[in-house]
Amino acid sequence: GRCSGGFDRLVQRMDEVRVALEHVSEELRHLLPTR
């Protein structure tokens, strides 16, 4: 029937992945592309 709890949890998990990618983006400030 309804899946409101599952939907909320999925949105939270998506946001966690976003935060993880943002962390990588922040770490790139300290790195340079290699050849």
PDB file of all heavy atoms in Angstrom:
ATOM      1  N   GLY A   1       0.814  -1.205   0.000  1.00  0.00           N
ATOM      2  CA  GLY A   1       0.000   0.000   0.000  1.00  0.00           C
ATOM      3  C   GLY A   1       0.847   1.253   0.000  1.00  0.00           C
ATOM      4  O   GLY A   1       1.357   1.668  -1.011  1.00  0.00           O
ATOM      5  N   ARG A   2       1.061   1.854   1.132  1.00  0.00           N
ATOM      6  CA  ARG A   2       1.818   3.095   1.177  1.00  0.00           C
ATOM      7  C   ARG A   2       3.259   2.808   1.616  1.00  0.00           C
ATOM      8  O   ARG A   2       3.527   1.822   2.280  1.00  0.00           O
ATOM      9  CB  ARG A   2       1.173   4.063   2.161  1.00  0.00           C
ATOM     10  CG  ARG A   2       1.034   3.531   3.567  1.00  0.00           C
ATOM     11  CD  ARG A   2       0.288   4.504   4.450  1.00  0.00           C
ATOM     12  NE  ARG A   2       0.110   3.955   5.772  1.00  0.00           N
ATOM     13  CZ  ARG A   2       1.026   4.004   6.728  1.00  0.00           C
ATOM     14  NH1 ARG A   2       2.198   4.557   6.479  1.00  0.00           N
ATOM     15  NH2 ARG A   2       0.800   3.490   7.907  1.00  0.00           N
ATOM     16  N   CYS A   3       4.167   3.698   1.217  1.00  0.00           N
ATOM     17  CA  CYS A   3       5.582   3.490   1.521  1.00  0.00           C
ATOM     18  C   CYS A   3       6.229   4.780   1.990  1.00  0.00           C
ATOM     19  O   CYS A   3       7.356   5.083   1.610  1.00  0.00           O
ATOM     20  CB  CYS A   3       6.313   2.961   0.285  1.00  0.00           C
ATOM     21  SG  CYS A   3       5.819   1.311  -0.212  1.00  0.00           S
ATOM     22  N   SER A   4       5.513   5.574   2.774  1.00  0.00           N
ATOM     23  CA  SER A   4       6.057   6.870   3.160  1.00  0.00           C
ATOM     24  C   SER A   4       7.343   6.722   3.950  1.00  0.00           C
ATOM     25  O   SER A   4       8.298   7.473   3.755  1.00  0.00           O
ATOM     26  CB  SER A   4       5.023   7.651   3.974  1.00  0.00           C
ATOM     27  OG  SER A   4       4.644   6.911   5.133  1.00  0.00           O
ATOM     28  N   GLY A   5       7.399   5.736   4.871  1.00  0.00           N
ATOM     29  CA  GLY A   5       8.609   5.538   5.644  1.00  0.00           C
ATOM     30  C   GLY A   5       9.775   5.140   4.769  1.00  0.00           C
ATOM     31  O   GLY A   5      10.897   5.637   4.934  1.00  0.00           O
ATOM     32  N   GLY A   6       9.532   4.242   3.830  1.00  0.00           N
ATOM     33  CA  GLY A   6      10.582   3.813   2.919  1.00  0.00           C
ATOM     34  C   GLY A   6      11.049   4.950   2.034  1.00  0.00           C
ATOM     35  O   GLY A   6      12.250   5.070   1.744  1.00  0.00           O
ATOM     36  N   PHE A   7      10.124   5.786   1.599  1.00  0.00           N
ATOM     37  CA  PHE A   7      10.480   6.933   0.748  1.00  0.00           C
ATOM     38  C   PHE A   7      11.365   7.902   1.523  1.00  0.00           C
ATOM     39  O   PHE A   7      12.394   8.365   1.013  1.00  0.00           O
ATOM     40  CB  PHE A   7       9.205   7.628   0.270  1.00  0.00           C
ATOM     41  CG  PHE A   7       9.459   8.790  -0.663  1.00  0.00           C
ATOM     42  CD1 PHE A   7      10.161   8.625  -1.840  1.00  0.00           C
ATOM     43  CD2 PHE A   7       8.983  10.057  -0.350  1.00  0.00           C
ATOM     44  CE1 PHE A   7      10.389   9.696  -2.699  1.00  0.00           C
ATOM     45  CE2 PHE A   7       9.201  11.133  -1.201  1.00  0.00           C
ATOM     46  CZ  PHE A   7       9.902  10.940  -2.380  1.00  0.00           C
ATOM     47  N   ASP A   8      10.988   8.197   2.748  1.00  0.00           N
ATOM     48  CA  ASP A   8      11.790   9.096   3.572  1.00  0.00           C
ATOM     49  C   ASP A   8      13.190   8.536   3.801  1.00  0.00           C
ATOM     50  O   ASP A   8      14.185   9.267   3.752  1.00  0.00           O
ATOM     51  CB  ASP A   8      11.114   9.329   4.926  1.00  0.00           C
ATOM     52  CG  ASP A   8       9.821  10.129   4.798  1.00  0.00           C
ATOM     53  OD1 ASP A   8       9.639  10.771   3.752  1.00  0.00           O
ATOM     54  OD2 ASP A   8       9.003  10.091   5.734  1.00  0.00           O
ATOM     55  N   ARG A   9      13.257   7.228   4.048  1.00  0.00           N
ATOM     56  CA  ARG A   9      14.558   6.620   4.293  1.00  0.00           C
ATOM     57  C   ARG A   9      15.417   6.632   3.024  1.00  0.00           C
ATOM     58  O   ARG A   9      16.629   6.851   3.085  1.00  0.00           O
ATOM     59  CB  ARG A   9      14.380   5.191   4.796  1.00  0.00           C
ATOM     60  CG  ARG A   9      15.658   4.537   5.260  1.00  0.00           C
ATOM     61  CD  ARG A   9      15.446   3.479   6.326  1.00  0.00           C
ATOM     62  NE  ARG A   9      14.310   2.625   6.026  1.00  0.00           N
ATOM     63  CZ  ARG A   9      13.192   2.638   6.749  1.00  0.00           C
ATOM     64  NH1 ARG A   9      13.065   3.469   7.768  1.00  0.00           N
ATOM     65  NH2 ARG A   9      12.206   1.832   6.450  1.00  0.00           N
ATOM     66  N   LEU A  10      14.780   6.416   1.877  1.00  0.00           N
ATOM     67  CA  LEU A  10      15.517   6.457   0.616  1.00  0.00           C
ATOM     68  C   LEU A  10      16.071   7.858   0.361  1.00  0.00           C
ATOM     69  O   LEU A  10      17.229   8.009  -0.055  1.00  0.00           O
ATOM     70  CB  LEU A  10      14.607   6.035  -0.537  1.00  0.00           C
ATOM     71  CG  LEU A  10      15.234   6.089  -1.933  1.00  0.00           C
ATOM     72  CD1 LEU A  10      16.453   5.174  -2.024  1.00  0.00           C
ATOM     73  CD2 LEU A  10      14.208   5.719  -2.995  1.00  0.00           C
ATOM     74  N   VAL A  11      15.255   8.878   0.607  1.00  0.00           N
ATOM     75  CA  VAL A  11      15.719  10.257   0.429  1.00  0.00           C
ATOM     76  C   VAL A  11      16.912  10.528   1.342  1.00  0.00           C
ATOM     77  O   VAL A  11      17.906  11.145   0.927  1.00  0.00           O
ATOM     78  CB  VAL A  11      14.575  11.251   0.721  1.00  0.00           C
ATOM     79  CG1 VAL A  11      15.096  12.684   0.699  1.00  0.00           C
ATOM     80  CG2 VAL A  11      13.461  11.094  -0.312  1.00  0.00           C
ATOM     81  N   GLN A  12      16.845  10.031   2.567  1.00  0.00           N
ATOM     82  CA  GLN A  12      17.950  10.223   3.503  1.00  0.00           C
ATOM     83  C   GLN A  12      19.215   9.542   2.985  1.00  0.00           C
ATOM     84  O   GLN A  12      20.316  10.112   3.062  1.00  0.00           O
ATOM     85  CB  GLN A  12      17.575   9.663   4.877  1.00  0.00           C
ATOM     86  CG  GLN A  12      18.674   9.838   5.919  1.00  0.00           C
ATOM     87  CD  GLN A  12      18.257   9.310   7.282  1.00  0.00           C
ATOM     88  OE1 GLN A  12      17.105   8.961   7.511  1.00  0.00           O
ATOM     89  NE2 GLN A  12      19.210   9.236   8.194  1.00  0.00           N
ATOM     90  N   ARG A  13      19.070   8.333   2.460  1.00  0.00           N
ATOM     91  CA  ARG A  13      20.233   7.623   1.934  1.00  0.00           C
ATOM     92  C   ARG A  13      20.827   8.336   0.722  1.00  0.00           C
ATOM     93  O   ARG A  13      22.055   8.394   0.549  1.00  0.00           O
ATOM     94  CB  ARG A  13      19.849   6.192   1.556  1.00  0.00           C
ATOM     95  CG  ARG A  13      19.468   5.291   2.718  1.00  0.00           C
ATOM     96  CD  ARG A  13      20.624   5.111   3.705  1.00  0.00           C
ATOM     97  NE  ARG A  13      21.839   4.670   3.066  1.00  0.00           N
ATOM     98  CZ  ARG A  13      22.117   3.402   2.728  1.00  0.00           C
ATOM     99  NH1 ARG A  13      21.233   2.440   3.011  1.00  0.00           N
ATOM    100  NH2 ARG A  13      23.251   3.077   2.163  1.00  0.00           N
ATOM    101  N   MET A  14      19.979   8.875  -0.130  1.00  0.00           N
ATOM    102  CA  MET A  14      20.456   9.644  -1.280  1.00  0.00           C
ATOM    103  C   MET A  14      21.253  10.854  -0.810  1.00  0.00           C
ATOM    104  O   MET A  14      22.296  11.199  -1.383  1.00  0.00           O
ATOM    105  CB  MET A  14      19.282  10.092  -2.137  1.00  0.00           C
ATOM    106  CG  MET A  14      18.535   8.972  -2.842  1.00  0.00           C
ATOM    107  SD  MET A  14      19.373   8.399  -4.312  1.00  0.00           S
ATOM    108  CE  MET A  14      19.055   9.783  -5.416  1.00  0.00           C
ATOM    109  N   ASP A  15      20.760  11.492   0.236  1.00  0.00           N
ATOM    110  CA  ASP A  15      21.447  12.664   0.755  1.00  0.00           C
ATOM    111  C   ASP A  15      22.798  12.274   1.350  1.00  0.00           C
ATOM    112  O   ASP A  15      23.769  13.036   1.266  1.00  0.00           O
ATOM    113  CB  ASP A  15      20.583  13.374   1.792  1.00  0.00           C
ATOM    114  CG  ASP A  15      21.094  14.769   2.110  1.00  0.00           C
ATOM    115  OD1 ASP A  15      21.234  15.580   1.177  1.00  0.00           O
ATOM    116  OD2 ASP A  15      21.362  15.049   3.291  1.00  0.00           O
ATOM    117  N   GLU A  16      22.876  11.106   1.962  1.00  0.00           N
ATOM    118  CA  GLU A  16      24.147  10.643   2.508  1.00  0.00           C
ATOM    119  C   GLU A  16      25.178  10.433   1.401  1.00  0.00           C
ATOM    120  O   GLU A  16      26.366  10.744   1.576  1.00  0.00           O
ATOM    121  CB  GLU A  16      23.926   9.343   3.288  1.00  0.00           C
ATOM    122  CG  GLU A  16      23.156   9.526   4.589  1.00  0.00           C
ATOM    123  CD  GLU A  16      22.792   8.207   5.237  1.00  0.00           C
ATOM    124  OE1 GLU A  16      23.112   7.146   4.641  1.00  0.00           O
ATOM    125  OE2 GLU A  16      22.175   8.227   6.319  1.00  0.00           O
ATOM    126  N   VAL A  17      24.733   9.919   0.256  1.00  0.00           N
ATOM    127  CA  VAL A  17      25.645   9.746  -0.879  1.00  0.00           C
ATOM    128  C   VAL A  17      26.092  11.108  -1.397  1.00  0.00           C
ATOM    129  O   VAL A  17      27.263  11.311  -1.741  1.00  0.00           O
ATOM    130  CB  VAL A  17      24.970   8.923  -1.999  1.00  0.00           C
ATOM    131  CG1 VAL A  17      25.880   8.844  -3.223  1.00  0.00           C
ATOM    132  CG2 VAL A  17      24.632   7.515  -1.499  1.00  0.00           C
ATOM    133  N   ARG A  18      25.158  12.047  -1.448  1.00  0.00           N
ATOM    134  CA  ARG A  18      25.512  13.410  -1.877  1.00  0.00           C
ATOM    135  C   ARG A  18      26.583  13.998  -0.961  1.00  0.00           C
ATOM    136  O   ARG A  18      27.575  14.578  -1.431  1.00  0.00           O
ATOM    137  CB  ARG A  18      24.271  14.307  -1.864  1.00  0.00           C
ATOM    138  CG  ARG A  18      24.560  15.761  -2.241  1.00  0.00           C
ATOM    139  CD  ARG A  18      23.388  16.653  -1.895  1.00  0.00           C
ATOM    140  NE  ARG A  18      23.103  16.687  -0.462  1.00  0.00           N
ATOM    141  CZ  ARG A  18      23.792  17.409   0.416  1.00  0.00           C
ATOM    142  NH1 ARG A  18      24.809  18.163   0.023  1.00  0.00           N
ATOM    143  NH2 ARG A  18      23.473  17.382   1.701  1.00  0.00           N
ATOM    144  N   VAL A  19      26.394  13.849   0.345  1.00  0.00           N
ATOM    145  CA  VAL A  19      27.358  14.378   1.313  1.00  0.00           C
ATOM    146  C   VAL A  19      28.727  13.715   1.120  1.00  0.00           C
ATOM    147  O   VAL A  19      29.776  14.374   1.203  1.00  0.00           O
ATOM    148  CB  VAL A  19      26.852  14.172   2.754  1.00  0.00           C
ATOM    149  CG1 VAL A  19      27.947  14.502   3.772  1.00  0.00           C
ATOM    150  CG2 VAL A  19      25.622  15.044   3.003  1.00  0.00           C
ATOM    151  N   ALA A  20      28.724  12.418   0.842  1.00  0.00           N
ATOM    152  CA  ALA A  20      29.986  11.705   0.627  1.00  0.00           C
ATOM    153  C   ALA A  20      30.719  12.249  -0.603  1.00  0.00           C
ATOM    154  O   ALA A  20      31.947  12.419  -0.573  1.00  0.00           O
ATOM    155  CB  ALA A  20      29.720  10.213   0.467  1.00  0.00           C
ATOM    156  N   LEU A  21      29.984  12.538  -1.673  1.00  0.00           N
ATOM    157  CA  LEU A  21      30.611  13.105  -2.865  1.00  0.00           C
ATOM    158  C   LEU A  21      31.095  14.531  -2.603  1.00  0.00           C
ATOM    159  O   LEU A  21      32.143  14.944  -3.122  1.00  0.00           O
ATOM    160  CB  LEU A  21      29.637  13.081  -4.037  1.00  0.00           C
ATOM    161  CG  LEU A  21      29.280  11.699  -4.601  1.00  0.00           C
ATOM    162  CD1 LEU A  21      28.264  11.832  -5.735  1.00  0.00           C
ATOM    163  CD2 LEU A  21      30.529  10.969  -5.085  1.00  0.00           C
ATOM    164  N   GLU A  22      30.353  15.271  -1.794  1.00  0.00           N
ATOM    165  CA  GLU A  22      30.796  16.619  -1.439  1.00  0.00           C
ATOM    166  C   GLU A  22      32.094  16.577  -0.626  1.00  0.00           C
ATOM    167  O   GLU A  22      32.958  17.456  -0.777  1.00  0.00           O
ATOM    168  CB  GLU A  22      29.707  17.354  -0.651  1.00  0.00           C
ATOM    169  CG  GLU A  22      28.556  17.842  -1.510  1.00  0.00           C
ATOM    170  CD  GLU A  22      27.672  18.840  -0.782  1.00  0.00           C
ATOM    171  OE1 GLU A  22      27.743  18.869   0.467  1.00  0.00           O
ATOM    172  OE2 GLU A  22      26.937  19.576  -1.462  1.00  0.00           O
ATOM    173  N   HIS A  23      32.227  15.567   0.211  1.00  0.00           N
ATOM    174  CA  HIS A  23      33.469  15.404   0.974  1.00  0.00           C
ATOM    175  C   HIS A  23      34.638  15.189   0.023  1.00  0.00           C
ATOM    176  O   HIS A  23      35.726  15.780   0.211  1.00  0.00           O
ATOM    177  CB  HIS A  23      33.346  14.230   1.935  1.00  0.00           C
ATOM    178  CG  HIS A  23      34.629  13.881   2.626  1.00  0.00           C
ATOM    179  ND1 HIS A  23      35.200  14.678   3.592  1.00  0.00           N
ATOM    180  CD2 HIS A  23      35.465  12.823   2.454  1.00  0.00           C
ATOM    181  CE1 HIS A  23      36.330  14.120   4.004  1.00  0.00           C
ATOM    182  NE2 HIS A  23      36.521  13.007   3.330  1.00  0.00           N
ATOM    183  N   VAL A  24      34.437  14.353  -0.997  1.00  0.00           N
ATOM    184  CA  VAL A  24      35.493  14.136  -1.991  1.00  0.00           C
ATOM    185  C   VAL A  24      35.836  15.452  -2.681  1.00  0.00           C
ATOM    186  O   VAL A  24      37.014  15.785  -2.886  1.00  0.00           O
ATOM    187  CB  VAL A  24      35.061  13.089  -3.031  1.00  0.00           C
ATOM    188  CG1 VAL A  24      36.121  12.953  -4.132  1.00  0.00           C
ATOM    189  CG2 VAL A  24      34.821  11.741  -2.371  1.00  0.00           C
ATOM    190  N   SER A  25      34.805  16.227  -3.028  1.00  0.00           N
ATOM    191  CA  SER A  25      35.023  17.507  -3.700  1.00  0.00           C
ATOM    192  C   SER A  25      35.865  18.440  -2.842  1.00  0.00           C
ATOM    193  O   SER A  25      36.753  19.150  -3.338  1.00  0.00           O
ATOM    194  CB  SER A  25      33.676  18.164  -4.024  1.00  0.00           C
ATOM    195  OG  SER A  25      33.862  19.374  -4.731  1.00  0.00           O
ATOM    196  N   GLU A  26      35.607  18.440  -1.528  1.00  0.00           N
ATOM    197  CA  GLU A  26      36.390  19.276  -0.619  1.00  0.00           C
ATOM    198  C   GLU A  26      37.845  18.814  -0.569  1.00  0.00           C
ATOM    199  O   GLU A  26      38.773  19.635  -0.530  1.00  0.00           O
ATOM    200  CB  GLU A  26      35.775  19.249   0.783  1.00  0.00           C
ATOM    201  CG  GLU A  26      34.498  20.047   0.917  1.00  0.00           C
ATOM    202  CD  GLU A  26      34.741  21.536   0.688  1.00  0.00           C
ATOM    203  OE1 GLU A  26      35.744  22.063   1.208  1.00  0.00           O
ATOM    204  OE2 GLU A  26      33.936  22.160  -0.023  1.00  0.00           O
ATOM    205  N   GLU A  27      38.048  17.511  -0.579  1.00  0.00           N
ATOM    206  CA  GLU A  27      39.398  16.972  -0.510  1.00  0.00           C
ATOM    207  C   GLU A  27      40.200  17.287  -1.774  1.00  0.00           C
ATOM    208  O   GLU A  27      41.437  17.340  -1.742  1.00  0.00           O
ATOM    209  CB  GLU A  27      39.354  15.456  -0.286  1.00  0.00           C
ATOM    210  CG  GLU A  27      38.844  15.050   1.085  1.00  0.00           C
ATOM    211  CD  GLU A  27      39.765  15.562   2.187  1.00  0.00           C
ATOM    212  OE1 GLU A  27      40.992  15.407   2.074  1.00  0.00           O
ATOM    213  OE2 GLU A  27      39.222  16.147   3.166  1.00  0.00           O
ATOM    214  N   LEU A  28      39.489  17.523  -2.886  1.00  0.00           N
ATOM    215  CA  LEU A  28      40.180  17.847  -4.137  1.00  0.00           C
ATOM    216  C   LEU A  28      40.927  19.174  -4.046  1.00  0.00           C
ATOM    217  O   LEU A  28      41.839  19.432  -4.844  1.00  0.00           O
ATOM    218  CB  LEU A  28      39.181  17.902  -5.294  1.00  0.00           C
ATOM    219  CG  LEU A  28      38.537  16.586  -5.722  1.00  0.00           C
ATOM    220  CD1 LEU A  28      37.614  16.803  -6.914  1.00  0.00           C
ATOM    221  CD2 LEU A  28      39.585  15.534  -6.045  1.00  0.00           C
ATOM    222  N   ARG A  29      40.545  20.012  -3.099  1.00  0.00           N
ATOM    223  CA  ARG A  29      41.231  21.297  -2.928  1.00  0.00           C
ATOM    224  C   ARG A  29      42.711  21.091  -2.592  1.00  0.00           C
ATOM    225  O   ARG A  29      43.544  21.967  -2.836  1.00  0.00           O
ATOM    226  CB  ARG A  29      40.571  22.106  -1.803  1.00  0.00           C
ATOM    227  CG  ARG A  29      39.147  22.555  -2.086  1.00  0.00           C
ATOM    228  CD  ARG A  29      38.562  23.242  -0.855  1.00  0.00           C
ATOM    229  NE  ARG A  29      37.194  23.688  -1.068  1.00  0.00           N
ATOM    230  CZ  ARG A  29      36.858  24.887  -1.532  1.00  0.00           C
ATOM    231  NH1 ARG A  29      37.816  25.769  -1.822  1.00  0.00           N
ATOM    232  NH2 ARG A  29      35.586  25.228  -1.693  1.00  0.00           N
ATOM    233  N   HIS A  30      43.036  19.933  -2.026  1.00  0.00           N
ATOM    234  CA  HIS A  30      44.404  19.666  -1.584  1.00  0.00           C
ATOM    235  C   HIS A  30      45.184  18.823  -2.594  1.00  0.00           C
ATOM    236  O   HIS A  30      46.324  18.431  -2.310  1.00  0.00           O
ATOM    237  CB  HIS A  30      44.382  18.941  -0.235  1.00  0.00           C
ATOM    238  CG  HIS A  30      43.487  19.590   0.782  1.00  0.00           C
ATOM    239  ND1 HIS A  30      43.702  20.864   1.254  1.00  0.00           N
ATOM    240  CD2 HIS A  30      42.347  19.144   1.388  1.00  0.00           C
ATOM    241  CE1 HIS A  30      42.757  21.176   2.130  1.00  0.00           C
ATOM    242  NE2 HIS A  30      41.925  20.154   2.219  1.00  0.00           N
ATOM    243  N   LEU A  31      44.555  18.516  -3.743  1.00  0.00           N
ATOM    244  CA  LEU A  31      45.192  17.650  -4.729  1.00  0.00           C
ATOM    245  C   LEU A  31      45.307  18.350  -6.074  1.00  0.00           C
ATOM    246  O   LEU A  31      44.601  19.327  -6.342  1.00  0.00           O
ATOM    247  CB  LEU A  31      44.377  16.356  -4.901  1.00  0.00           C
ATOM    248  CG  LEU A  31      44.204  15.476  -3.659  1.00  0.00           C
ATOM    249  CD1 LEU A  31      43.242  14.333  -3.972  1.00  0.00           C
ATOM    250  CD2 LEU A  31      45.543  14.936  -3.189  1.00  0.00           C
ATOM    251  N   LEU A  32      46.175  17.818  -6.914  1.00  0.00           N
ATOM    252  CA  LEU A  32      46.324  18.294  -8.284  1.00  0.00           C
ATOM    253  C   LEU A  32      46.152  17.113  -9.229  1.00  0.00           C
ATOM    254  O   LEU A  32      46.540  15.983  -8.896  1.00  0.00           O
ATOM    255  CB  LEU A  32      47.704  18.924  -8.503  1.00  0.00           C
ATOM    256  CG  LEU A  32      47.990  20.239  -7.779  1.00  0.00           C
ATOM    257  CD1 LEU A  32      49.451  20.635  -7.971  1.00  0.00           C
ATOM    258  CD2 LEU A  32      47.070  21.345  -8.285  1.00  0.00           C
ATOM    259  N   PRO A  33      45.566  17.355 -10.411  1.00  0.00           N
ATOM    260  CA  PRO A  33      45.457  16.260 -11.381  1.00  0.00           C
ATOM    261  C   PRO A  33      46.854  15.770 -11.766  1.00  0.00           C
ATOM    262  O   PRO A  33      47.759  16.579 -11.988  1.00  0.00           O
ATOM    263  CB  PRO A  33      44.749  16.909 -12.570  1.00  0.00           C
ATOM    264  CG  PRO A  33      44.098  18.137 -12.024  1.00  0.00           C
ATOM    265  CD  PRO A  33      44.984  18.610 -10.915  1.00  0.00           C
ATOM    266  N   THR A  34      47.038  14.464 -11.811  1.00  0.00           N
ATOM    267  CA  THR A  34      48.313  13.917 -12.253  1.00  0.00           C
ATOM    268  C   THR A  34      48.324  13.820 -13.771  1.00  0.00           C
ATOM    269  O   THR A  34      47.288  13.938 -14.429  1.00  0.00           O
ATOM    270  CB  THR A  34      48.545  12.519 -11.663  1.00  0.00           C
ATOM    271  OG1 THR A  34      47.541  11.631 -12.166  1.00  0.00           O
ATOM    272  CG2 THR A  34      48.463  12.564 -10.143  1.00  0.00           C
ATOM    273  N   ARG A  35      49.481  13.583 -14.332  1.00  0.00           N
ATOM    274  CA  ARG A  35      49.597  13.502 -15.793  1.00  0.00           C
ATOM    275  C   ARG A  35      48.691  12.421 -16.375  1.00  0.00           C
ATOM    276  O   ARG A  35      48.080  12.582 -17.410  1.00  0.00           O
ATOM    277  CB  ARG A  35      51.061  13.228 -16.171  1.00  0.00           C
ATOM    278  CG  ARG A  35      51.302  13.118 -17.675  1.00  0.00           C
ATOM    279  CD  ARG A  35      52.730  12.670 -17.948  1.00  0.00           C
ATOM    280  NE  ARG A  35      52.947  12.538 -19.385  1.00  0.00           N
ATOM    281  CZ  ARG A  35      53.598  13.419 -20.118  1.00  0.00           C
ATOM    282  NH1 ARG A  35      54.081  14.504 -19.566  1.00  0.00           N
ATOM    283  NH2 ARG A  35      53.759  13.223 -21.421  1.00  0.00           N
TER     284      ARG A  35
END
